[in-house]
Amino acid sequence: MQARIEGLEDHIRAVVREEVASALAGHSDPDPWLNSDEAASYLRIARSTLHDLVSEGRLPRAGGRKTKLVFRRSTLDAYLASRGRS
């Protein structure tokens, strides 16, 4: 027999989210993950150009699915350095 208390799961999720957010506050990641829009903005290029660079193998992505790419900022910095831009 499984007992269920209405709203308990949602309450636990909310408490966990708050605790995680609190624990992470003030801990900035020196090498954050950036999505396609953020990466394109960081590189000062169009999002379509970013996707072209990935498709051509000129810019490696750190992860993500084909439709949602993610990059480490250090990877983008290395790309800029190789292009003579910083």
PDB file of N, CA and C in Angstrom:
ATOM      1  N   MET A   1       0.841  -1.182   0.000  1.00  0.00           N
ATOM      2  CA  MET A   1       0.000   0.000   0.000  1.00  0.00           C
ATOM      3  C   MET A   1       0.887   1.248   0.000  1.00  0.00           C
ATOM      4  N   GLN A   2       0.545   2.175  -0.867  1.00  0.00           N
ATOM      5  CA  GLN A   2       1.343   3.389  -0.996  1.00  0.00           C
ATOM      6  C   GLN A   2       0.503   4.585  -0.561  1.00  0.00           C
ATOM      7  N   ALA A   3       0.969   5.285   0.450  1.00  0.00           N
ATOM      8  CA  ALA A   3       0.268   6.471   0.936  1.00  0.00           C
ATOM      9  C   ALA A   3       0.808   7.692   0.206  1.00  0.00           C
ATOM     10  N   ARG A   4      -0.076   8.599  -0.131  1.00  0.00           N
ATOM     11  CA  ARG A   4       0.331   9.811  -0.840  1.00  0.00           C
ATOM     12  C   ARG A   4      -0.254  11.024  -0.143  1.00  0.00           C
ATOM     13  N   ILE A   5       0.550  11.966   0.115  1.00  0.00           N
ATOM     14  CA  ILE A   5       0.091  13.213   0.717  1.00  0.00           C
ATOM     15  C   ILE A   5       0.044  14.248  -0.393  1.00  0.00           C
ATOM     16  N   GLU A   6      -1.143  14.797  -0.636  1.00  0.00           N
ATOM     17  CA  GLU A   6      -1.324  15.770  -1.707  1.00  0.00           C
ATOM     18  C   GLU A   6      -0.357  16.944  -1.577  1.00  0.00           C
ATOM     19  N   GLY A   7       0.326  17.236  -2.654  1.00  0.00           N
ATOM     20  CA  GLY A   7       1.203  18.393  -2.690  1.00  0.00           C
ATOM     21  C   GLY A   7       2.587  18.186  -2.100  1.00  0.00           C
ATOM     22  N   LEU A   8       2.835  17.037  -1.481  1.00  0.00           N
ATOM     23  CA  LEU A   8       4.136  16.810  -0.853  1.00  0.00           C
ATOM     24  C   LEU A   8       5.260  16.776  -1.880  1.00  0.00           C
ATOM     25  N   GLU A   9       5.040  16.095  -3.004  1.00  0.00           N
ATOM     26  CA  GLU A   9       6.089  16.017  -4.033  1.00  0.00           C
ATOM     27  C   GLU A   9       6.442  17.408  -4.562  1.00  0.00           C
ATOM     28  N   ASP A  10       5.430  18.223  -4.834  1.00  0.00           N
ATOM     29  CA  ASP A  10       5.686  19.577  -5.325  1.00  0.00           C
ATOM     30  C   ASP A  10       6.419  20.414  -4.278  1.00  0.00           C
ATOM     31  N   HIS A  11       6.050  20.248  -3.029  1.00  0.00           N
ATOM     32  CA  HIS A  11       6.714  20.980  -1.948  1.00  0.00           C
ATOM     33  C   HIS A  11       8.187  20.566  -1.842  1.00  0.00           C
ATOM     34  N   ILE A  12       8.443  19.275  -1.920  1.00  0.00           N
ATOM     35  CA  ILE A  12       9.826  18.780  -1.840  1.00  0.00           C
ATOM     36  C   ILE A  12      10.639  19.326  -3.005  1.00  0.00           C
ATOM     37  N   ARG A  13      10.083  19.307  -4.215  1.00  0.00           N
ATOM     38  CA  ARG A  13      10.786  19.849  -5.383  1.00  0.00           C
ATOM     39  C   ARG A  13      11.130  21.325  -5.177  1.00  0.00           C
ATOM     40  N   ALA A  14      10.172  22.087  -4.669  1.00  0.00           N
ATOM     41  CA  ALA A  14      10.395  23.516  -4.450  1.00  0.00           C
ATOM     42  C   ALA A  14      11.486  23.747  -3.410  1.00  0.00           C
ATOM     43  N   VAL A  15      11.455  22.982  -2.330  1.00  0.00           N
ATOM     44  CA  VAL A  15      12.472  23.120  -1.282  1.00  0.00           C
ATOM     45  C   VAL A  15      13.844  22.754  -1.826  1.00  0.00           C
ATOM     46  N   VAL A  16      13.931  21.671  -2.595  1.00  0.00           N
ATOM     47  CA  VAL A  16      15.216  21.260  -3.171  1.00  0.00           C
ATOM     48  C   VAL A  16      15.733  22.337  -4.117  1.00  0.00           C
ATOM     49  N   ARG A  17      14.853  22.882  -4.984  1.00  0.00           N
ATOM     50  CA  ARG A  17      15.270  23.954  -5.896  1.00  0.00           C
ATOM     51  C   ARG A  17      15.830  25.143  -5.133  1.00  0.00           C
ATOM     52  N   GLU A  18      15.145  25.551  -4.080  1.00  0.00           N
ATOM     53  CA  GLU A  18      15.598  26.683  -3.269  1.00  0.00           C
ATOM     54  C   GLU A  18      16.941  26.400  -2.609  1.00  0.00           C
ATOM     55  N   GLU A  19      17.105  25.204  -2.084  1.00  0.00           N
ATOM     56  CA  GLU A  19      18.359  24.836  -1.422  1.00  0.00           C
ATOM     57  C   GLU A  19      19.520  24.792  -2.414  1.00  0.00           C
ATOM     58  N   VAL A  20      19.276  24.237  -3.584  1.00  0.00           N
ATOM     59  CA  VAL A  20      20.330  24.171  -4.605  1.00  0.00           C
ATOM     60  C   VAL A  20      20.694  25.579  -5.050  1.00  0.00           C
ATOM     61  N   ALA A  21      19.693  26.414  -5.312  1.00  0.00           N
ATOM     62  CA  ALA A  21      19.954  27.797  -5.726  1.00  0.00           C
ATOM     63  C   ALA A  21      20.741  28.542  -4.652  1.00  0.00           C
ATOM     64  N   SER A  22      20.382  28.321  -3.400  1.00  0.00           N
ATOM     65  CA  SER A  22      21.082  28.967  -2.300  1.00  0.00           C
ATOM     66  C   SER A  22      22.532  28.490  -2.210  1.00  0.00           C
ATOM     67  N   ALA A  23      22.734  27.191  -2.391  1.00  0.00           N
ATOM     68  CA  ALA A  23      24.086  26.630  -2.315  1.00  0.00           C
ATOM     69  C   ALA A  23      24.962  27.128  -3.464  1.00  0.00           C
ATOM     70  N   LEU A  24      24.347  27.342  -4.617  1.00  0.00           N
ATOM     71  CA  LEU A  24      25.118  27.777  -5.783  1.00  0.00           C
ATOM     72  C   LEU A  24      25.330  29.287  -5.825  1.00  0.00           C
ATOM     73  N   ALA A  25      24.544  30.033  -5.081  1.00  0.00           N
ATOM     74  CA  ALA A  25      24.676  31.488  -5.077  1.00  0.00           C
ATOM     75  C   ALA A  25      26.074  31.872  -4.613  1.00  0.00           C
ATOM     76  N   GLY A  26      26.692  32.748  -5.350  1.00  0.00           N
ATOM     77  CA  GLY A  26      28.022  33.194  -4.971  1.00  0.00           C
ATOM     78  C   GLY A  26      29.133  32.295  -5.485  1.00  0.00           C
ATOM     79  N   HIS A  27      28.779  31.195  -6.099  1.00  0.00           N
ATOM     80  CA  HIS A  27      29.781  30.296  -6.671  1.00  0.00           C
ATOM     81  C   HIS A  27      29.738  30.428  -8.184  1.00  0.00           C
ATOM     82  N   SER A  28      30.384  31.432  -8.705  1.00  0.00           N
ATOM     83  CA  SER A  28      30.363  31.613 -10.149  1.00  0.00           C
ATOM     84  C   SER A  28      31.292  30.602 -10.807  1.00  0.00           C
ATOM     85  N   ASP A  29      30.831  30.076 -11.891  1.00  0.00           N
ATOM     86  CA  ASP A  29      31.592  29.086 -12.646  1.00  0.00           C
ATOM     87  C   ASP A  29      32.591  29.824 -13.531  1.00  0.00           C
ATOM     88  N   PRO A  30      33.885  29.587 -13.373  1.00  0.00           N
ATOM     89  CA  PRO A  30      34.873  30.284 -14.201  1.00  0.00           C
ATOM     90  C   PRO A  30      34.813  29.852 -15.670  1.00  0.00           C
ATOM     91  N   ASP A  31      34.165  28.734 -15.941  1.00  0.00           N
ATOM     92  CA  ASP A  31      34.043  28.232 -17.308  1.00  0.00           C
ATOM     93  C   ASP A  31      32.601  27.770 -17.535  1.00  0.00           C
ATOM     94  N   PRO A  32      31.679  28.737 -17.625  1.00  0.00           N
ATOM     95  CA  PRO A  32      30.261  28.370 -17.686  1.00  0.00           C
ATOM     96  C   PRO A  32      29.853  27.735 -19.014  1.00  0.00           C
ATOM     97  N   TRP A  33      28.735  27.025 -18.948  1.00  0.00           N
ATOM     98  CA  TRP A  33      28.109  26.468 -20.151  1.00  0.00           C
ATOM     99  C   TRP A  33      27.294  27.571 -20.808  1.00  0.00           C
ATOM    100  N   LEU A  34      27.356  27.648 -22.130  1.00  0.00           N
ATOM    101  CA  LEU A  34      26.580  28.631 -22.877  1.00  0.00           C
ATOM    102  C   LEU A  34      25.740  27.905 -23.919  1.00  0.00           C
ATOM    103  N   ASN A  35      24.490  28.325 -24.073  1.00  0.00           N
ATOM    104  CA  ASN A  35      23.664  27.736 -25.127  1.00  0.00           C
ATOM    105  C   ASN A  35      24.005  28.426 -26.448  1.00  0.00           C
ATOM    106  N   SER A  36      23.343  28.033 -27.523  1.00  0.00           N
ATOM    107  CA  SER A  36      23.660  28.580 -28.850  1.00  0.00           C
ATOM    108  C   SER A  36      23.520  30.092 -28.910  1.00  0.00           C
ATOM    109  N   ASP A  37      22.423  30.602 -28.354  1.00  0.00           N
ATOM    110  CA  ASP A  37      22.223  32.056 -28.395  1.00  0.00           C
ATOM    111  C   ASP A  37      23.310  32.796 -27.625  1.00  0.00           C
ATOM    112  N   GLU A  38      23.639  32.289 -26.444  1.00  0.00           N
ATOM    113  CA  GLU A  38      24.675  32.919 -25.622  1.00  0.00           C
ATOM    114  C   GLU A  38      26.046  32.818 -26.291  1.00  0.00           C
ATOM    115  N   ALA A  39      26.325  31.659 -26.884  1.00  0.00           N
ATOM    116  CA  ALA A  39      27.618  31.458 -27.548  1.00  0.00           C
ATOM    117  C   ALA A  39      27.747  32.376 -28.759  1.00  0.00           C
ATOM    118  N   ALA A  40      26.691  32.478 -29.548  1.00  0.00           N
ATOM    119  CA  ALA A  40      26.722  33.355 -30.723  1.00  0.00           C
ATOM    120  C   ALA A  40      26.936  34.807 -30.298  1.00  0.00           C
ATOM    121  N   SER A  41      26.245  35.212 -29.252  1.00  0.00           N
ATOM    122  CA  SER A  41      26.407  36.569 -28.743  1.00  0.00           C
ATOM    123  C   SER A  41      27.836  36.788 -28.247  1.00  0.00           C
ATOM    124  N   TYR A  42      28.374  35.814 -27.520  1.00  0.00           N
ATOM    125  CA  TYR A  42      29.736  35.903 -26.996  1.00  0.00           C
ATOM    126  C   TYR A  42      30.753  36.039 -28.128  1.00  0.00           C
ATOM    127  N   LEU A  43      30.531  35.295 -29.219  1.00  0.00           N
ATOM    128  CA  LEU A  43      31.444  35.342 -30.363  1.00  0.00           C
ATOM    129  C   LEU A  43      31.143  36.510 -31.303  1.00  0.00           C
ATOM    130  N   ARG A  44      30.025  37.199 -31.051  1.00  0.00           N
ATOM    131  CA  ARG A  44      29.576  38.309 -31.898  1.00  0.00           C
ATOM    132  C   ARG A  44      29.324  37.857 -33.330  1.00  0.00           C
ATOM    133  N   ILE A  45      28.636  36.725 -33.447  1.00  0.00           N
ATOM    134  CA  ILE A  45      28.256  36.195 -34.754  1.00  0.00           C
ATOM    135  C   ILE A  45      26.781  35.797 -34.700  1.00  0.00           C
ATOM    136  N   ALA A  46      26.198  35.562 -35.862  1.00  0.00           N
ATOM    137  CA  ALA A  46      24.811  35.103 -35.928  1.00  0.00           C
ATOM    138  C   ALA A  46      24.732  33.653 -35.458  1.00  0.00           C
ATOM    139  N   ARG A  47      23.592  33.291 -34.926  1.00  0.00           N
ATOM    140  CA  ARG A  47      23.396  31.914 -34.460  1.00  0.00           C
ATOM    141  C   ARG A  47      23.571  30.926 -35.614  1.00  0.00           C
ATOM    142  N   SER A  48      23.100  31.294 -36.793  1.00  0.00           N
ATOM    143  CA  SER A  48      23.248  30.411 -37.959  1.00  0.00           C
ATOM    144  C   SER A  48      24.726  30.212 -38.304  1.00  0.00           C
ATOM    145  N   THR A  49      25.530  31.248 -38.134  1.00  0.00           N
ATOM    146  CA  THR A  49      26.968  31.131 -38.377  1.00  0.00           C
ATOM    147  C   THR A  49      27.596  30.187 -37.356  1.00  0.00           C
ATOM    148  N   LEU A  50      27.165  30.278 -36.117  1.00  0.00           N
ATOM    149  CA  LEU A  50      27.645  29.374 -35.077  1.00  0.00           C
ATOM    150  C   LEU A  50      27.356  27.921 -35.465  1.00  0.00           C
ATOM    151  N   HIS A  51      26.127  27.662 -35.900  1.00  0.00           N
ATOM    152  CA  HIS A  51      25.753  26.306 -36.302  1.00  0.00           C
ATOM    153  C   HIS A  51      26.553  25.847 -37.523  1.00  0.00           C
ATOM    154  N   ASP A  52      26.840  26.768 -38.443  1.00  0.00           N
ATOM    155  CA  ASP A  52      27.680  26.435 -39.600  1.00  0.00           C
ATOM    156  C   ASP A  52      29.082  26.038 -39.147  1.00  0.00           C
ATOM    157  N   LEU A  53      29.647  26.783 -38.196  1.00  0.00           N
ATOM    158  CA  LEU A  53      30.987  26.465 -37.692  1.00  0.00           C
ATOM    159  C   LEU A  53      31.029  25.075 -37.063  1.00  0.00           C
ATOM    160  N   VAL A  54      29.975  24.722 -36.347  1.00  0.00           N
ATOM    161  CA  VAL A  54      29.901  23.392 -35.730  1.00  0.00           C
ATOM    162  C   VAL A  54      29.768  22.329 -36.820  1.00  0.00           C
ATOM    163  N   SER A  55      28.886  22.572 -37.782  1.00  0.00           N
ATOM    164  CA  SER A  55      28.671  21.605 -38.874  1.00  0.00           C
ATOM    165  C   SER A  55      29.947  21.363 -39.677  1.00  0.00           C
ATOM    166  N   GLU A  56      30.728  22.409 -39.867  1.00  0.00           N
ATOM    167  CA  GLU A  56      31.974  22.308 -40.623  1.00  0.00           C
ATOM    168  C   GLU A  56      33.114  21.734 -39.791  1.00  0.00           C
ATOM    169  N   GLY A  57      32.893  21.546 -38.501  1.00  0.00           N
ATOM    170  CA  GLY A  57      33.932  21.012 -37.628  1.00  0.00           C
ATOM    171  C   GLY A  57      34.959  22.041 -37.200  1.00  0.00           C
ATOM    172  N   ARG A  58      34.676  23.307 -37.453  1.00  0.00           N
ATOM    173  CA  ARG A  58      35.620  24.367 -37.085  1.00  0.00           C
ATOM    174  C   ARG A  58      35.470  24.815 -35.645  1.00  0.00           C
ATOM    175  N   LEU A  59      34.333  24.472 -35.033  1.00  0.00           N
ATOM    176  CA  LEU A  59      34.082  24.827 -33.643  1.00  0.00           C
ATOM    177  C   LEU A  59      33.467  23.623 -32.947  1.00  0.00           C
ATOM    178  N   PRO A  60      34.211  23.018 -32.022  1.00  0.00           N
ATOM    179  CA  PRO A  60      33.640  21.856 -31.329  1.00  0.00           C
ATOM    180  C   PRO A  60      32.628  22.291 -30.279  1.00  0.00           C
ATOM    181  N   ARG A  61      31.603  21.509 -30.134  1.00  0.00           N
ATOM    182  CA  ARG A  61      30.639  21.776 -29.070  1.00  0.00           C
ATOM    183  C   ARG A  61      30.963  20.852 -27.916  1.00  0.00           C
ATOM    184  N   ALA A  62      30.630  21.278 -26.729  1.00  0.00           N
ATOM    185  CA  ALA A  62      30.929  20.477 -25.539  1.00  0.00           C
ATOM    186  C   ALA A  62      29.838  19.461 -25.275  1.00  0.00           C
ATOM    187  N   GLY A  63      28.685  19.659 -25.825  1.00  0.00           N
ATOM    188  CA  GLY A  63      27.599  18.717 -25.587  1.00  0.00           C
ATOM    189  C   GLY A  63      26.322  19.218 -26.187  1.00  0.00           C
ATOM    190  N   GLY A  64      25.270  18.521 -25.866  1.00  0.00           N
ATOM    191  CA  GLY A  64      23.958  18.901 -26.360  1.00  0.00           C
ATOM    192  C   GLY A  64      23.526  18.045 -27.525  1.00  0.00           C
ATOM    193  N   ARG A  65      22.241  18.147 -27.816  1.00  0.00           N
ATOM    194  CA  ARG A  65      21.688  17.421 -28.959  1.00  0.00           C
ATOM    195  C   ARG A  65      21.873  18.274 -30.203  1.00  0.00           C
ATOM    196  N   LYS A  66      21.530  17.695 -31.330  1.00  0.00           N
ATOM    197  CA  LYS A  66      21.684  18.400 -32.596  1.00  0.00           C
ATOM    198  C   LYS A  66      20.912  19.722 -32.615  1.00  0.00           C
ATOM    199  N   THR A  67      19.728  19.726 -31.996  1.00  0.00           N
ATOM    200  CA  THR A  67      18.898  20.928 -32.014  1.00  0.00           C
ATOM    201  C   THR A  67      19.212  21.895 -30.887  1.00  0.00           C
ATOM    202  N   LYS A  68      19.944  21.449 -29.868  1.00  0.00           N
ATOM    203  CA  LYS A  68      20.284  22.323 -28.754  1.00  0.00           C
ATOM    204  C   LYS A  68      21.750  22.105 -28.407  1.00  0.00           C
ATOM    205  N   LEU A  69      22.588  22.986 -28.890  1.00  0.00           N
ATOM    206  CA  LEU A  69      24.020  22.873 -28.662  1.00  0.00           C
ATOM    207  C   LEU A  69      24.411  23.652 -27.418  1.00  0.00           C
ATOM    208  N   VAL A  70      25.401  23.141 -26.702  1.00  0.00           N
ATOM    209  CA  VAL A  70      25.969  23.862 -25.571  1.00  0.00           C
ATOM    210  C   VAL A  70      27.484  23.872 -25.701  1.00  0.00           C
ATOM    211  N   PHE A  71      28.077  24.921 -25.190  1.00  0.00           N
ATOM    212  CA  PHE A  71      29.513  25.135 -25.323  1.00  0.00           C
ATOM    213  C   PHE A  71      30.089  25.589 -23.991  1.00  0.00           C
ATOM    214  N   ARG A  72      31.327  25.234 -23.732  1.00  0.00           N
ATOM    215  CA  ARG A  72      32.062  25.806 -22.605  1.00  0.00           C
ATOM    216  C   ARG A  72      32.653  27.122 -23.095  1.00  0.00           C
ATOM    217  N   ARG A  73      32.652  28.126 -22.232  1.00  0.00           N
ATOM    218  CA  ARG A  73      33.215  29.415 -22.633  1.00  0.00           C
ATOM    219  C   ARG A  73      34.689  29.274 -23.005  1.00  0.00           C
ATOM    220  N   SER A  74      35.411  28.385 -22.341  1.00  0.00           N
ATOM    221  CA  SER A  74      36.831  28.197 -22.673  1.00  0.00           C
ATOM    222  C   SER A  74      37.011  27.699 -24.110  1.00  0.00           C
ATOM    223  N   THR A  75      36.068  26.907 -24.605  1.00  0.00           N
ATOM    224  CA  THR A  75      36.126  26.439 -25.988  1.00  0.00           C
ATOM    225  C   THR A  75      35.964  27.616 -26.941  1.00  0.00           C
ATOM    226  N   LEU A  76      35.050  28.512 -26.609  1.00  0.00           N
ATOM    227  CA  LEU A  76      34.844  29.699 -27.443  1.00  0.00           C
ATOM    228  C   LEU A  76      36.050  30.628 -27.381  1.00  0.00           C
ATOM    229  N   ASP A  77      36.653  30.750 -26.187  1.00  0.00           N
ATOM    230  CA  ASP A  77      37.864  31.565 -26.053  1.00  0.00           C
ATOM    231  C   ASP A  77      38.999  31.001 -26.905  1.00  0.00           C
ATOM    232  N   ALA A  78      39.131  29.680 -26.917  1.00  0.00           N
ATOM    233  CA  ALA A  78      40.178  29.033 -27.725  1.00  0.00           C
ATOM    234  C   ALA A  78      39.918  29.274 -29.207  1.00  0.00           C
ATOM    235  N   TYR A  79      38.662  29.213 -29.618  1.00  0.00           N
ATOM    236  CA  TYR A  79      38.319  29.486 -31.011  1.00  0.00           C
ATOM    237  C   TYR A  79      38.703  30.931 -31.370  1.00  0.00           C
ATOM    238  N   LEU A  80      38.320  31.874 -30.502  1.00  0.00           N
ATOM    239  CA  LEU A  80      38.661  33.268 -30.767  1.00  0.00           C
ATOM    240  C   LEU A  80      40.170  33.473 -30.843  1.00  0.00           C
ATOM    241  N   ALA A  81      40.900  32.831 -29.946  1.00  0.00           N
ATOM    242  CA  ALA A  81      42.365  32.958 -29.943  1.00  0.00           C
ATOM    243  C   ALA A  81      42.962  32.411 -31.239  1.00  0.00           C
ATOM    244  N   SER A  82      42.388  31.324 -31.736  1.00  0.00           N
ATOM    245  CA  SER A  82      42.899  30.734 -32.981  1.00  0.00           C
ATOM    246  C   SER A  82      42.604  31.612 -34.182  1.00  0.00           C
ATOM    247  N   ARG A  83      41.609  32.466 -34.048  1.00  0.00           N
ATOM    248  CA  ARG A  83      41.232  33.389 -35.110  1.00  0.00           C
ATOM    249  C   ARG A  83      41.914  34.745 -34.952  1.00  0.00           C
ATOM    250  N   GLY A  84      42.697  34.881 -33.877  1.00  0.00           N
ATOM    251  CA  GLY A  84      43.385  36.128 -33.622  1.00  0.00           C
ATOM    252  C   GLY A  84      42.507  37.189 -32.979  1.00  0.00           C
ATOM    253  N   ARG A  85      41.366  36.743 -32.406  1.00  0.00           N
ATOM    254  CA  ARG A  85      40.449  37.664 -31.713  1.00  0.00           C
ATOM    255  C   ARG A  85      40.366  37.245 -30.258  1.00  0.00           C
ATOM    256  N   SER A  86      40.370  38.200 -29.364  1.00  0.00           N
ATOM    257  CA  SER A  86      40.189  37.889 -27.933  1.00  0.00           C
ATOM    258  C   SER A  86      39.251  38.864 -27.311  1.00  0.00           C
TER     259      SER A  86
END
